[in-house]
């Protein structure tokens, strides 16, 4: 199964977290498109302007979502990453199955863990309470399939 991994990737902690979860998905036999690892083509084009590079990243990520069976999204933060939210909406509109993982208890919505427009896109959300995200994902994959 091909999985598109949607998550923030703008600092070392985020990238390391993504890599750890990606490793669990790959250990389970899935093929994962991890943008921070697999979507770096745009950065090799030093002749491109920032705007041209952004368009290349967008097109590459949209194509990768189109090739995927499932979108897996990290939902941490007071509000989830806006780029990952666009990826989620696009995947959902294409009829892809969407799954999330959440370790963060902060919420922007009063009385709700997440905005209903996000939760409505997901087949399931893995919530980590008292165990690491890696443990939670391994446990989930041992009992359920995407």
C-alpha atoms as a PDB file:
ATOM      1  CA  UNK A   1       0.000   0.000   0.000  1.00  0.00           C
ATOM      2  CA  UNK A   2       1.267   3.486  -0.868  1.00  0.00           C
ATOM      3  CA  UNK A   3       0.962   6.047   1.960  1.00  0.00           C
ATOM      4  CA  UNK A   4       1.406   9.808   1.671  1.00  0.00           C
ATOM      5  CA  UNK A   5       2.788  11.197   4.951  1.00  0.00           C
ATOM      6  CA  UNK A   6       1.439  14.710   5.675  1.00  0.00           C
ATOM      7  CA  UNK A   7       3.112  16.581   8.524  1.00  0.00           C
ATOM      8  CA  UNK A   8       5.057  19.691   9.442  1.00  0.00           C
ATOM      9  CA  UNK A   9       8.738  19.319   8.546  1.00  0.00           C
ATOM     10  CA  UNK A  10      10.310  22.643   9.402  1.00  0.00           C
ATOM     11  CA  UNK A  11      12.632  21.794  12.299  1.00  0.00           C
ATOM     12  CA  UNK A  12      14.778  18.888  13.465  1.00  0.00           C
ATOM     13  CA  UNK A  13      12.257  17.656  16.033  1.00  0.00           C
ATOM     14  CA  UNK A  14       9.429  17.510  13.458  1.00  0.00           C
ATOM     15  CA  UNK A  15      11.604  15.744  10.878  1.00  0.00           C
ATOM     16  CA  UNK A  16      12.860  13.187  13.434  1.00  0.00           C
ATOM     17  CA  UNK A  17       9.295  12.512  14.629  1.00  0.00           C
ATOM     18  CA  UNK A  18       8.145  12.032  11.022  1.00  0.00           C
ATOM     19  CA  UNK A  19      11.052   9.685  10.287  1.00  0.00           C
ATOM     20  CA  UNK A  20      10.288   7.555  13.358  1.00  0.00           C
ATOM     21  CA  UNK A  21       6.622   7.164  12.395  1.00  0.00           C
ATOM     22  CA  UNK A  22       7.520   6.575   8.751  1.00  0.00           C
ATOM     23  CA  UNK A  23       9.852   3.753   9.842  1.00  0.00           C
ATOM     24  CA  UNK A  24       6.954   2.068  11.687  1.00  0.00           C
ATOM     25  CA  UNK A  25       4.759   2.297   8.579  1.00  0.00           C
ATOM     26  CA  UNK A  26       7.525   0.883   6.394  1.00  0.00           C
ATOM     27  CA  UNK A  27       8.262  -1.909   8.910  1.00  0.00           C
ATOM     28  CA  UNK A  28       4.591  -2.861   8.519  1.00  0.00           C
ATOM     29  CA  UNK A  29       5.194  -3.338   4.789  1.00  0.00           C
ATOM     30  CA  UNK A  30       3.868  -0.044   3.453  1.00  0.00           C
ATOM     31  CA  UNK A  31       5.558   2.162   0.881  1.00  0.00           C
ATOM     32  CA  UNK A  32       5.638   5.719   2.226  1.00  0.00           C
ATOM     33  CA  UNK A  33       6.093   9.030   0.426  1.00  0.00           C
ATOM     34  CA  UNK A  34       7.708  11.215   3.092  1.00  0.00           C
ATOM     35  CA  UNK A  35       7.999  14.710   1.571  1.00  0.00           C
ATOM     36  CA  UNK A  36      11.051  15.687   3.622  1.00  0.00           C
ATOM     37  CA  UNK A  37      12.880  12.641   2.248  1.00  0.00           C
ATOM     38  CA  UNK A  38      11.210  11.918  -1.091  1.00  0.00           C
ATOM     39  CA  UNK A  39      10.142  15.355  -2.270  1.00  0.00           C
ATOM     40  CA  UNK A  40      13.452  17.194  -2.355  1.00  0.00           C
ATOM     41  CA  UNK A  41      13.745  17.513  -6.136  1.00  0.00           C
ATOM     42  CA  UNK A  42      12.802  21.202  -6.031  1.00  0.00           C
ATOM     43  CA  UNK A  43      15.764  22.026  -3.814  1.00  0.00           C
ATOM     44  CA  UNK A  44      18.253  20.616  -6.321  1.00  0.00           C
ATOM     45  CA  UNK A  45      17.157  23.269  -8.842  1.00  0.00           C
ATOM     46  CA  UNK A  46      19.204  26.199  -7.597  1.00  0.00           C
ATOM     47  CA  UNK A  47      18.428  28.141 -10.782  1.00  0.00           C
ATOM     48  CA  UNK A  48      14.740  28.399  -9.815  1.00  0.00           C
ATOM     49  CA  UNK A  49      13.233  31.339  -7.997  1.00  0.00           C
ATOM     50  CA  UNK A  50      11.540  30.718  -4.651  1.00  0.00           C
ATOM     51  CA  UNK A  51       8.141  31.017  -6.364  1.00  0.00           C
ATOM     52  CA  UNK A  52       9.109  28.507  -9.067  1.00  0.00           C
ATOM     53  CA  UNK A  53      10.438  26.125  -6.426  1.00  0.00           C
ATOM     54  CA  UNK A  54       7.187  26.420  -4.443  1.00  0.00           C
ATOM     55  CA  UNK A  55       5.164  25.529  -7.551  1.00  0.00           C
ATOM     56  CA  UNK A  56       7.383  22.516  -8.197  1.00  0.00           C
ATOM     57  CA  UNK A  57       6.934  21.310  -4.603  1.00  0.00           C
ATOM     58  CA  UNK A  58       3.166  21.769  -4.864  1.00  0.00           C
ATOM     59  CA  UNK A  59       2.921  19.807  -8.132  1.00  0.00           C
ATOM     60  CA  UNK A  60       5.175  17.010  -6.849  1.00  0.00           C
ATOM     61  CA  UNK A  61       3.211  16.623  -3.614  1.00  0.00           C
ATOM     62  CA  UNK A  62      -0.156  16.689  -5.415  1.00  0.00           C
ATOM     63  CA  UNK A  63       1.100  13.993  -7.799  1.00  0.00           C
ATOM     64  CA  UNK A  64       2.342  11.877  -4.862  1.00  0.00           C
ATOM     65  CA  UNK A  65      -1.043  12.163  -3.144  1.00  0.00           C
ATOM     66  CA  UNK A  66      -2.705  11.058  -6.384  1.00  0.00           C
ATOM     67  CA  UNK A  67      -0.512   7.935  -6.505  1.00  0.00           C
ATOM     68  CA  UNK A  68      -1.191   7.067  -2.862  1.00  0.00           C
ATOM     69  CA  UNK A  69      -3.854   4.802  -1.440  1.00  0.00           C
ATOM     70  CA  UNK A  70      -3.860   6.445   1.996  1.00  0.00           C
ATOM     71  CA  UNK A  71      -2.939   9.769   3.553  1.00  0.00           C
ATOM     72  CA  UNK A  72      -1.442   9.615   7.054  1.00  0.00           C
ATOM     73  CA  UNK A  73      -1.302  12.951   8.886  1.00  0.00           C
ATOM     74  CA  UNK A  74       0.356  14.232  12.043  1.00  0.00           C
ATOM     75  CA  UNK A  75      -2.232  16.381  13.825  1.00  0.00           C
ATOM     76  CA  UNK A  76      -0.032  17.929  16.500  1.00  0.00           C
ATOM     77  CA  UNK A  77       0.040  21.626  17.277  1.00  0.00           C
ATOM     78  CA  UNK A  78      -2.632  23.984  18.566  1.00  0.00           C
ATOM     79  CA  UNK A  79      -3.836  23.796  14.977  1.00  0.00           C
ATOM     80  CA  UNK A  80      -2.425  21.238  12.525  1.00  0.00           C
ATOM     81  CA  UNK A  81       0.078  22.354   9.875  1.00  0.00           C
ATOM     82  CA  UNK A  82      -1.683  24.326   7.134  1.00  0.00           C
ATOM     83  CA  UNK A  83       0.159  22.566   4.297  1.00  0.00           C
ATOM     84  CA  UNK A  84      -0.786  19.174   5.713  1.00  0.00           C
ATOM     85  CA  UNK A  85      -4.406  20.389   5.964  1.00  0.00           C
ATOM     86  CA  UNK A  86      -4.403  21.213   2.237  1.00  0.00           C
ATOM     87  CA  UNK A  87      -2.945  17.774   1.518  1.00  0.00           C
ATOM     88  CA  UNK A  88      -5.661  16.201   3.672  1.00  0.00           C
ATOM     89  CA  UNK A  89      -8.436  18.053   1.871  1.00  0.00           C
ATOM     90  CA  UNK A  90      -7.048  17.109  -1.531  1.00  0.00           C
ATOM     91  CA  UNK A  91      -6.673  13.442  -0.567  1.00  0.00           C
ATOM     92  CA  UNK A  92     -10.182  13.363   0.880  1.00  0.00           C
ATOM     93  CA  UNK A  93     -11.616  14.949  -2.282  1.00  0.00           C
ATOM     94  CA  UNK A  94      -9.902  12.234  -4.327  1.00  0.00           C
ATOM     95  CA  UNK A  95     -11.579   9.572  -2.182  1.00  0.00           C
ATOM     96  CA  UNK A  96      -8.378   8.485  -0.417  1.00  0.00           C
ATOM     97  CA  UNK A  97      -8.618   6.915   3.026  1.00  0.00           C
ATOM     98  CA  UNK A  98      -7.190   9.321   5.598  1.00  0.00           C
ATOM     99  CA  UNK A  99      -5.755   8.515   9.023  1.00  0.00           C
ATOM    100  CA  UNK A 100      -4.282  10.795  11.643  1.00  0.00           C
ATOM    101  CA  UNK A 101      -2.152  10.605  14.746  1.00  0.00           C
ATOM    102  CA  UNK A 102      -2.313  13.066  17.613  1.00  0.00           C
ATOM    103  CA  UNK A 103      -0.049  13.378  20.646  1.00  0.00           C
ATOM    104  CA  UNK A 104      -0.796  17.026  21.419  1.00  0.00           C
ATOM    105  CA  UNK A 105      -3.589  17.950  23.853  1.00  0.00           C
ATOM    106  CA  UNK A 106      -3.760  21.616  22.797  1.00  0.00           C
ATOM    107  CA  UNK A 107      -6.840  22.627  20.828  1.00  0.00           C
ATOM    108  CA  UNK A 108      -8.001  25.786  19.090  1.00  0.00           C
ATOM    109  CA  UNK A 109     -11.639  24.674  19.045  1.00  0.00           C
ATOM    110  CA  UNK A 110     -13.556  25.234  22.274  1.00  0.00           C
ATOM    111  CA  UNK A 111     -14.660  21.845  23.596  1.00  0.00           C
ATOM    112  CA  UNK A 112     -13.360  19.950  20.549  1.00  0.00           C
ATOM    113  CA  UNK A 113     -10.006  18.282  20.011  1.00  0.00           C
ATOM    114  CA  UNK A 114      -9.959  19.281  16.323  1.00  0.00           C
ATOM    115  CA  UNK A 115     -11.927  21.359  13.874  1.00  0.00           C
ATOM    116  CA  UNK A 116     -14.897  19.277  12.625  1.00  0.00           C
ATOM    117  CA  UNK A 117     -13.878  19.974   9.018  1.00  0.00           C
ATOM    118  CA  UNK A 118     -10.674  18.055   9.718  1.00  0.00           C
ATOM    119  CA  UNK A 119     -12.126  15.210  11.767  1.00  0.00           C
ATOM    120  CA  UNK A 120     -14.754  14.630   9.082  1.00  0.00           C
ATOM    121  CA  UNK A 121     -12.006  13.653   6.625  1.00  0.00           C
ATOM    122  CA  UNK A 122     -10.547  10.842   8.724  1.00  0.00           C
ATOM    123  CA  UNK A 123     -11.378   7.152   8.794  1.00  0.00           C
ATOM    124  CA  UNK A 124      -9.637   7.034  12.161  1.00  0.00           C
ATOM    125  CA  UNK A 125      -7.416   9.141  14.419  1.00  0.00           C
ATOM    126  CA  UNK A 126      -4.851   7.500  16.668  1.00  0.00           C
ATOM    127  CA  UNK A 127      -4.668   9.419  19.941  1.00  0.00           C
ATOM    128  CA  UNK A 128      -1.625   8.830  22.110  1.00  0.00           C
ATOM    129  CA  UNK A 129      -2.319   8.834  25.812  1.00  0.00           C
ATOM    130  CA  UNK A 130       0.503   7.741  28.087  1.00  0.00           C
ATOM    131  CA  UNK A 131       2.521   5.993  25.381  1.00  0.00           C
ATOM    132  CA  UNK A 132       4.788   7.215  22.625  1.00  0.00           C
ATOM    133  CA  UNK A 133       3.496   7.834  19.127  1.00  0.00           C
ATOM    134  CA  UNK A 134       5.707   5.018  17.854  1.00  0.00           C
ATOM    135  CA  UNK A 135       4.170   2.589  20.365  1.00  0.00           C
ATOM    136  CA  UNK A 136       0.659   3.810  19.591  1.00  0.00           C
ATOM    137  CA  UNK A 137       1.132   3.422  15.833  1.00  0.00           C
ATOM    138  CA  UNK A 138       2.674  -0.042  16.202  1.00  0.00           C
ATOM    139  CA  UNK A 139      -0.222  -1.096  18.429  1.00  0.00           C
ATOM    140  CA  UNK A 140      -2.765   0.290  15.984  1.00  0.00           C
ATOM    141  CA  UNK A 141      -1.178  -1.462  12.995  1.00  0.00           C
ATOM    142  CA  UNK A 142      -1.040  -4.755  14.921  1.00  0.00           C
ATOM    143  CA  UNK A 143      -4.823  -4.789  15.281  1.00  0.00           C
ATOM    144  CA  UNK A 144      -6.133  -2.781  12.302  1.00  0.00           C
ATOM    145  CA  UNK A 145      -5.344  -2.149   8.675  1.00  0.00           C
ATOM    146  CA  UNK A 146      -5.429   1.089   6.737  1.00  0.00           C
END
